[in-house]
């Protein structure tokens, strides 16, 4: 298994995300995936969330991407990379990333608290992961 490291951009996008979720994401990248991935988005402003709701890309202003009571965002969006590009039309790439995230969460005892947006019935969100604390 090849070991990957985050780019500076991905590291910057993890700023403000809950440390437990950062640990899961980092462990998934370094230990549980054969494919590279990138952090698309972590902590969001209310303005950014409102834009996404208005565009129909989110259904709530109560997103876990917003700062929660503990001062951290509890969500992150990740994109698998194939040849340096996100294969938006290849759902299996998002499923493989979800498997890696679940293995990482299981390792640190948070497997039952990790939610993947790809499992949702409405507005399936392949890049989305959130930790329920």
N, C-alpha and C. Protein backbone atom coordinates (compact mmCIF):
# COMPACT_ATOMS: atom_id res chain seq x y z
N UNK A 1 0.84 -1.18 0.00
CA UNK A 1 0.00 0.00 0.00
C UNK A 1 0.88 1.24 0.00
N UNK A 2 0.58 2.16 -0.87
CA UNK A 2 1.35 3.39 -0.96
C UNK A 2 0.89 4.37 0.12
N UNK A 3 1.84 5.05 0.73
CA UNK A 3 1.51 6.01 1.77
C UNK A 3 1.50 7.41 1.18
N UNK A 4 0.40 8.12 1.36
CA UNK A 4 0.24 9.47 0.81
C UNK A 4 0.36 10.51 1.92
N UNK A 5 0.58 11.75 1.51
CA UNK A 5 0.61 12.87 2.44
C UNK A 5 -0.24 14.00 1.87
N UNK A 6 -0.83 14.80 2.76
CA UNK A 6 -1.66 15.91 2.31
C UNK A 6 -0.83 17.05 1.75
N UNK A 7 -1.39 17.70 0.76
CA UNK A 7 -0.79 18.92 0.22
C UNK A 7 -1.01 20.05 1.24
N UNK A 8 -0.32 21.14 1.05
CA UNK A 8 -0.51 22.31 1.91
C UNK A 8 -1.96 22.80 1.83
N UNK A 9 -2.54 22.73 0.65
CA UNK A 9 -3.94 23.16 0.48
C UNK A 9 -4.86 22.29 1.32
N UNK A 10 -4.69 20.99 1.25
CA UNK A 10 -5.54 20.09 2.05
C UNK A 10 -5.34 20.35 3.54
N UNK A 11 -4.12 20.52 3.97
CA UNK A 11 -3.86 20.81 5.38
C UNK A 11 -4.54 22.10 5.81
N UNK A 12 -4.48 23.11 4.97
CA UNK A 12 -5.14 24.39 5.27
C UNK A 12 -6.66 24.20 5.39
N UNK A 13 -7.21 23.36 4.55
CA UNK A 13 -8.66 23.13 4.55
C UNK A 13 -9.11 22.32 5.78
N UNK A 14 -8.20 21.65 6.44
CA UNK A 14 -8.52 20.93 7.68
C UNK A 14 -8.51 21.84 8.90
N UNK A 15 -8.03 23.06 8.73
CA UNK A 15 -7.99 24.00 9.86
C UNK A 15 -9.42 24.27 10.35
N UNK A 16 -9.62 24.10 11.64
CA UNK A 16 -10.94 24.34 12.24
C UNK A 16 -11.81 23.10 12.32
N UNK A 17 -11.35 21.99 11.73
CA UNK A 17 -12.08 20.72 11.80
C UNK A 17 -11.72 20.01 13.10
N UNK A 18 -12.69 19.36 13.71
CA UNK A 18 -12.47 18.69 14.99
C UNK A 18 -11.27 17.74 14.90
N UNK A 19 -10.40 17.76 15.92
CA UNK A 19 -9.20 16.92 15.90
C UNK A 19 -9.47 15.43 15.71
N UNK A 20 -10.57 14.93 16.21
CA UNK A 20 -10.88 13.50 16.02
C UNK A 20 -11.12 13.22 14.54
N UNK A 21 -11.85 14.09 13.87
CA UNK A 21 -12.11 13.90 12.44
C UNK A 21 -10.83 14.07 11.63
N UNK A 22 -9.99 15.01 12.01
CA UNK A 22 -8.69 15.19 11.35
C UNK A 22 -7.86 13.92 11.50
N UNK A 23 -7.89 13.31 12.68
CA UNK A 23 -7.16 12.07 12.90
C UNK A 23 -7.67 10.96 11.98
N UNK A 24 -8.98 10.84 11.86
CA UNK A 24 -9.57 9.82 10.98
C UNK A 24 -9.15 10.05 9.54
N UNK A 25 -9.26 11.28 9.08
CA UNK A 25 -8.91 11.61 7.69
C UNK A 25 -7.43 11.31 7.44
N UNK A 26 -6.58 11.70 8.36
CA UNK A 26 -5.14 11.50 8.21
C UNK A 26 -4.79 10.02 8.23
N UNK A 27 -5.39 9.28 9.13
CA UNK A 27 -5.15 7.84 9.22
C UNK A 27 -5.63 7.13 7.95
N UNK A 28 -6.77 7.55 7.43
CA UNK A 28 -7.29 6.96 6.18
C UNK A 28 -6.30 7.17 5.05
N UNK A 29 -5.75 8.37 4.96
CA UNK A 29 -4.81 8.68 3.88
C UNK A 29 -3.50 7.91 4.02
N UNK A 30 -2.99 7.84 5.22
CA UNK A 30 -1.67 7.24 5.44
C UNK A 30 -1.68 5.72 5.55
N UNK A 31 -2.83 5.14 5.93
CA UNK A 31 -2.81 3.72 6.24
C UNK A 31 -3.84 2.87 5.48
N UNK A 32 -4.97 3.43 5.13
CA UNK A 32 -6.07 2.59 4.65
C UNK A 32 -6.48 2.78 3.20
N UNK A 33 -5.75 3.56 2.43
CA UNK A 33 -6.15 3.75 1.04
C UNK A 33 -5.00 3.43 0.09
N UNK A 34 -5.37 2.87 -1.05
CA UNK A 34 -4.41 2.65 -2.13
C UNK A 34 -4.47 3.79 -3.13
N UNK A 35 -5.35 4.75 -2.87
CA UNK A 35 -5.54 5.87 -3.79
C UNK A 35 -5.42 7.19 -3.02
N UNK A 36 -4.84 8.15 -3.66
CA UNK A 36 -4.70 9.47 -3.07
C UNK A 36 -6.07 10.14 -2.99
N UNK A 37 -6.22 11.08 -2.06
CA UNK A 37 -7.42 11.91 -2.02
C UNK A 37 -7.08 13.28 -1.50
N UNK A 38 -7.99 14.20 -1.71
CA UNK A 38 -7.78 15.59 -1.33
C UNK A 38 -8.90 16.07 -0.42
N UNK A 39 -8.60 17.06 0.40
CA UNK A 39 -9.61 17.70 1.22
C UNK A 39 -10.21 18.83 0.38
N UNK A 40 -11.50 18.73 0.12
CA UNK A 40 -12.18 19.74 -0.68
C UNK A 40 -12.64 20.91 0.18
N UNK A 41 -13.14 20.58 1.36
CA UNK A 41 -13.65 21.64 2.24
C UNK A 41 -13.80 21.12 3.65
N UNK A 42 -13.52 21.97 4.60
CA UNK A 42 -13.69 21.65 6.01
C UNK A 42 -14.66 22.63 6.64
N UNK A 43 -14.14 23.50 7.47
CA UNK A 43 -14.95 24.49 8.17
C UNK A 43 -15.48 25.53 7.18
N UNK A 44 -16.78 25.82 7.28
CA UNK A 44 -17.42 26.80 6.40
C UNK A 44 -17.95 27.98 7.19
N UNK A 45 -18.00 29.10 6.53
CA UNK A 45 -18.68 30.27 7.10
C UNK A 45 -20.18 30.12 6.86
N UNK A 46 -20.97 30.84 7.61
CA UNK A 46 -22.43 30.82 7.40
C UNK A 46 -22.75 31.34 6.00
N UNK A 47 -21.99 32.31 5.55
CA UNK A 47 -22.22 32.86 4.21
C UNK A 47 -22.01 31.78 3.14
N UNK A 48 -20.94 31.02 3.25
CA UNK A 48 -20.66 29.95 2.29
C UNK A 48 -21.76 28.89 2.34
N UNK A 49 -22.20 28.55 3.55
CA UNK A 49 -23.26 27.56 3.70
C UNK A 49 -24.55 28.06 3.04
N UNK A 50 -24.86 29.32 3.23
CA UNK A 50 -26.06 29.90 2.62
C UNK A 50 -25.98 29.82 1.09
N UNK A 51 -24.81 30.10 0.54
CA UNK A 51 -24.61 29.99 -0.91
C UNK A 51 -24.90 28.58 -1.40
N UNK A 52 -24.41 27.58 -0.67
CA UNK A 52 -24.61 26.18 -1.06
C UNK A 52 -26.09 25.79 -0.97
N UNK A 53 -26.78 26.27 0.05
CA UNK A 53 -28.21 26.00 0.18
C UNK A 53 -28.95 26.64 -0.99
N UNK A 54 -28.63 27.89 -1.30
CA UNK A 54 -29.29 28.60 -2.39
C UNK A 54 -29.06 27.93 -3.75
N UNK A 55 -27.91 27.28 -3.92
CA UNK A 55 -27.59 26.58 -5.17
C UNK A 55 -28.14 25.15 -5.18
N UNK A 56 -28.73 24.71 -4.07
CA UNK A 56 -29.27 23.36 -3.99
C UNK A 56 -28.23 22.29 -3.72
N UNK A 57 -27.02 22.70 -3.35
CA UNK A 57 -25.96 21.74 -3.07
C UNK A 57 -25.93 21.32 -1.61
N UNK A 58 -26.72 21.96 -0.79
CA UNK A 58 -26.92 21.59 0.60
C UNK A 58 -28.39 21.84 0.92
N UNK A 59 -28.88 21.11 1.91
CA UNK A 59 -30.29 21.26 2.26
C UNK A 59 -30.51 21.93 3.60
N UNK A 60 -29.45 22.34 4.27
CA UNK A 60 -29.62 22.86 5.62
C UNK A 60 -28.64 23.99 5.95
N UNK A 61 -29.10 24.86 6.80
CA UNK A 61 -28.21 25.87 7.37
C UNK A 61 -27.67 25.39 8.71
N UNK A 62 -27.98 24.15 9.06
CA UNK A 62 -27.51 23.55 10.30
C UNK A 62 -26.40 22.54 10.01
N UNK A 63 -25.54 22.86 9.06
CA UNK A 63 -24.49 21.95 8.61
C UNK A 63 -23.43 21.72 9.67
N UNK A 64 -22.91 20.50 9.68
CA UNK A 64 -21.78 20.17 10.56
C UNK A 64 -20.48 20.81 10.07
N UNK A 65 -20.50 21.42 8.87
CA UNK A 65 -19.34 22.16 8.39
C UNK A 65 -19.19 23.49 9.13
N UNK A 66 -20.26 23.95 9.73
CA UNK A 66 -20.21 25.20 10.51
C UNK A 66 -19.60 24.92 11.87
N UNK A 67 -19.05 25.95 12.50
CA UNK A 67 -18.51 25.77 13.84
C UNK A 67 -19.61 25.30 14.78
N UNK A 68 -19.33 24.25 15.53
CA UNK A 68 -20.27 23.69 16.50
C UNK A 68 -19.98 24.29 17.87
N UNK A 69 -20.74 23.88 18.87
CA UNK A 69 -20.60 24.44 20.21
C UNK A 69 -19.20 24.31 20.79
N UNK A 70 -18.45 23.29 20.35
CA UNK A 70 -17.10 23.10 20.88
C UNK A 70 -16.05 23.91 20.12
N UNK A 71 -16.49 24.72 19.14
CA UNK A 71 -15.56 25.58 18.41
C UNK A 71 -14.93 24.94 17.18
N UNK A 72 -15.38 23.74 16.81
CA UNK A 72 -14.84 23.03 15.64
C UNK A 72 -15.96 22.68 14.67
N UNK A 73 -15.60 22.54 13.40
CA UNK A 73 -16.49 21.95 12.42
C UNK A 73 -16.41 20.44 12.60
N UNK A 74 -17.54 19.77 12.42
CA UNK A 74 -17.58 18.32 12.59
C UNK A 74 -17.76 17.61 11.25
N UNK A 75 -17.46 18.30 10.15
CA UNK A 75 -17.62 17.71 8.82
C UNK A 75 -16.46 18.10 7.92
N UNK A 76 -16.25 17.25 6.92
CA UNK A 76 -15.21 17.49 5.93
C UNK A 76 -15.68 16.87 4.62
N UNK A 77 -15.32 17.48 3.51
CA UNK A 77 -15.59 16.93 2.19
C UNK A 77 -14.27 16.49 1.59
N UNK A 78 -14.24 15.25 1.08
CA UNK A 78 -13.02 14.66 0.52
C UNK A 78 -13.28 14.21 -0.91
N UNK A 79 -12.25 14.31 -1.73
CA UNK A 79 -12.37 13.84 -3.10
C UNK A 79 -11.26 12.88 -3.45
N UNK A 80 -11.63 11.68 -3.95
CA UNK A 80 -10.60 10.74 -4.40
C UNK A 80 -9.90 11.31 -5.62
N UNK A 81 -8.65 10.95 -5.79
CA UNK A 81 -7.88 11.45 -6.94
C UNK A 81 -7.44 10.28 -7.82
N UNK A 82 -7.75 10.40 -9.09
CA UNK A 82 -7.31 9.44 -10.09
C UNK A 82 -6.54 10.22 -11.14
N UNK A 83 -5.25 9.97 -11.22
CA UNK A 83 -4.44 10.74 -12.16
C UNK A 83 -4.48 12.23 -11.87
N UNK A 84 -4.60 12.58 -10.59
CA UNK A 84 -4.61 13.97 -10.18
C UNK A 84 -5.94 14.67 -10.34
N UNK A 85 -6.97 13.94 -10.78
CA UNK A 85 -8.30 14.52 -10.97
C UNK A 85 -9.34 13.77 -10.13
N UNK A 86 -10.39 14.47 -9.75
CA UNK A 86 -11.49 13.82 -9.02
C UNK A 86 -12.43 13.18 -10.05
N UNK A 87 -12.63 11.87 -9.95
CA UNK A 87 -13.50 11.17 -10.91
C UNK A 87 -14.98 11.29 -10.50
N UNK A 88 -15.56 12.46 -10.73
CA UNK A 88 -16.92 12.75 -10.27
C UNK A 88 -17.95 11.73 -10.75
N UNK A 89 -17.74 11.12 -11.90
CA UNK A 89 -18.71 10.17 -12.45
C UNK A 89 -18.43 8.73 -12.05
N UNK A 90 -17.42 8.50 -11.20
CA UNK A 90 -17.06 7.15 -10.77
C UNK A 90 -17.40 6.98 -9.29
N UNK A 91 -18.64 6.58 -9.03
CA UNK A 91 -19.11 6.44 -7.65
C UNK A 91 -18.25 5.44 -6.87
N UNK A 92 -17.71 4.43 -7.55
CA UNK A 92 -16.91 3.42 -6.86
C UNK A 92 -15.66 4.02 -6.22
N UNK A 93 -15.12 5.08 -6.80
CA UNK A 93 -13.95 5.75 -6.21
C UNK A 93 -14.34 6.38 -4.86
N UNK A 94 -15.54 6.95 -4.78
CA UNK A 94 -16.01 7.54 -3.53
C UNK A 94 -16.32 6.44 -2.51
N UNK A 95 -16.80 5.30 -2.98
CA UNK A 95 -17.06 4.17 -2.08
C UNK A 95 -15.76 3.62 -1.49
N UNK A 96 -14.72 3.53 -2.30
CA UNK A 96 -13.43 3.05 -1.78
C UNK A 96 -12.88 4.00 -0.73
N UNK A 97 -13.03 5.29 -0.96
CA UNK A 97 -12.59 6.28 0.03
C UNK A 97 -13.43 6.14 1.30
N UNK A 98 -14.71 5.91 1.16
CA UNK A 98 -15.58 5.72 2.33
C UNK A 98 -15.14 4.50 3.14
N UNK A 99 -14.75 3.45 2.45
CA UNK A 99 -14.25 2.25 3.15
C UNK A 99 -12.99 2.58 3.96
N UNK A 100 -12.08 3.34 3.36
CA UNK A 100 -10.85 3.72 4.06
C UNK A 100 -11.17 4.59 5.28
N UNK A 101 -12.10 5.52 5.11
CA UNK A 101 -12.49 6.38 6.24
C UNK A 101 -13.12 5.54 7.36
N UNK A 102 -13.94 4.57 6.99
CA UNK A 102 -14.58 3.73 8.01
C UNK A 102 -13.55 2.89 8.75
N UNK A 103 -12.59 2.34 8.03
CA UNK A 103 -11.53 1.56 8.69
C UNK A 103 -10.74 2.42 9.66
N UNK A 104 -10.43 3.63 9.26
CA UNK A 104 -9.68 4.54 10.13
C UNK A 104 -10.50 4.89 11.38
N UNK A 105 -11.77 5.18 11.18
CA UNK A 105 -12.64 5.51 12.31
C UNK A 105 -12.78 4.31 13.25
N UNK A 106 -12.91 3.12 12.68
CA UNK A 106 -13.00 1.91 13.50
C UNK A 106 -11.74 1.74 14.34
N UNK A 107 -10.59 2.01 13.75
CA UNK A 107 -9.32 1.81 14.47
C UNK A 107 -9.25 2.65 15.74
N UNK A 108 -9.77 3.86 15.69
CA UNK A 108 -9.66 4.72 16.88
C UNK A 108 -10.93 4.71 17.73
N UNK A 109 -11.85 3.80 17.43
CA UNK A 109 -13.04 3.65 18.26
C UNK A 109 -14.18 4.60 17.96
N UNK A 110 -14.18 5.20 16.78
CA UNK A 110 -15.24 6.13 16.40
C UNK A 110 -16.02 5.66 15.17
N UNK A 111 -15.92 4.38 14.86
CA UNK A 111 -16.59 3.85 13.68
C UNK A 111 -18.09 4.04 13.69
N UNK A 112 -18.69 3.95 14.88
CA UNK A 112 -20.14 4.11 14.97
C UNK A 112 -20.56 5.58 15.00
N UNK A 113 -19.60 6.48 15.00
CA UNK A 113 -19.91 7.92 15.04
C UNK A 113 -19.60 8.64 13.73
N UNK A 114 -19.04 7.91 12.78
CA UNK A 114 -18.73 8.50 11.48
C UNK A 114 -19.91 8.28 10.53
N UNK A 115 -20.34 9.35 9.87
CA UNK A 115 -21.41 9.27 8.89
C UNK A 115 -20.85 9.68 7.53
N UNK A 116 -21.16 8.88 6.52
CA UNK A 116 -20.79 9.21 5.13
C UNK A 116 -22.04 9.69 4.41
N UNK A 117 -21.94 10.83 3.75
CA UNK A 117 -23.06 11.37 2.99
C UNK A 117 -23.51 10.50 1.84
N UNK A 118 -22.66 9.59 1.40
CA UNK A 118 -23.03 8.66 0.33
C UNK A 118 -24.07 7.65 0.76
N UNK A 119 -24.27 7.50 2.07
CA UNK A 119 -25.27 6.58 2.59
C UNK A 119 -26.65 7.24 2.76
N UNK A 120 -26.73 8.54 2.56
CA UNK A 120 -28.00 9.24 2.74
C UNK A 120 -28.98 8.90 1.62
N UNK A 121 -30.26 8.88 1.94
CA UNK A 121 -31.28 8.58 0.94
C UNK A 121 -31.57 9.77 0.03
N UNK A 122 -31.58 10.96 0.60
CA UNK A 122 -31.82 12.15 -0.23
C UNK A 122 -30.53 12.96 -0.31
N UNK A 123 -30.28 13.51 -1.46
CA UNK A 123 -29.07 14.29 -1.73
C UNK A 123 -27.83 13.50 -1.31
N UNK A 124 -27.64 12.34 -1.91
CA UNK A 124 -26.43 11.54 -1.64
C UNK A 124 -25.22 12.42 -1.89
N UNK A 125 -24.35 12.47 -0.92
CA UNK A 125 -23.22 13.40 -0.94
C UNK A 125 -21.92 12.60 -0.78
N UNK A 126 -21.39 12.09 -1.89
CA UNK A 126 -20.20 11.25 -1.87
C UNK A 126 -18.99 11.82 -1.19
N UNK A 127 -18.72 13.13 -1.30
CA UNK A 127 -17.53 13.68 -0.64
C UNK A 127 -17.68 13.91 0.87
N UNK A 128 -18.90 13.89 1.40
CA UNK A 128 -19.17 14.36 2.76
C UNK A 128 -18.99 13.29 3.84
N UNK A 129 -18.28 13.70 4.90
CA UNK A 129 -18.12 12.88 6.11
C UNK A 129 -18.36 13.77 7.30
N UNK A 130 -19.02 13.22 8.31
CA UNK A 130 -19.19 13.98 9.54
C UNK A 130 -19.05 13.06 10.74
N UNK A 131 -18.61 13.65 11.83
CA UNK A 131 -18.43 12.92 13.07
C UNK A 131 -19.52 13.38 14.03
N UNK A 132 -20.18 12.42 14.64
CA UNK A 132 -21.27 12.74 15.56
C UNK A 132 -20.75 12.56 16.98
N UNK A 133 -20.51 13.65 17.65
CA UNK A 133 -19.93 13.61 19.00
C UNK A 133 -20.98 13.92 20.04
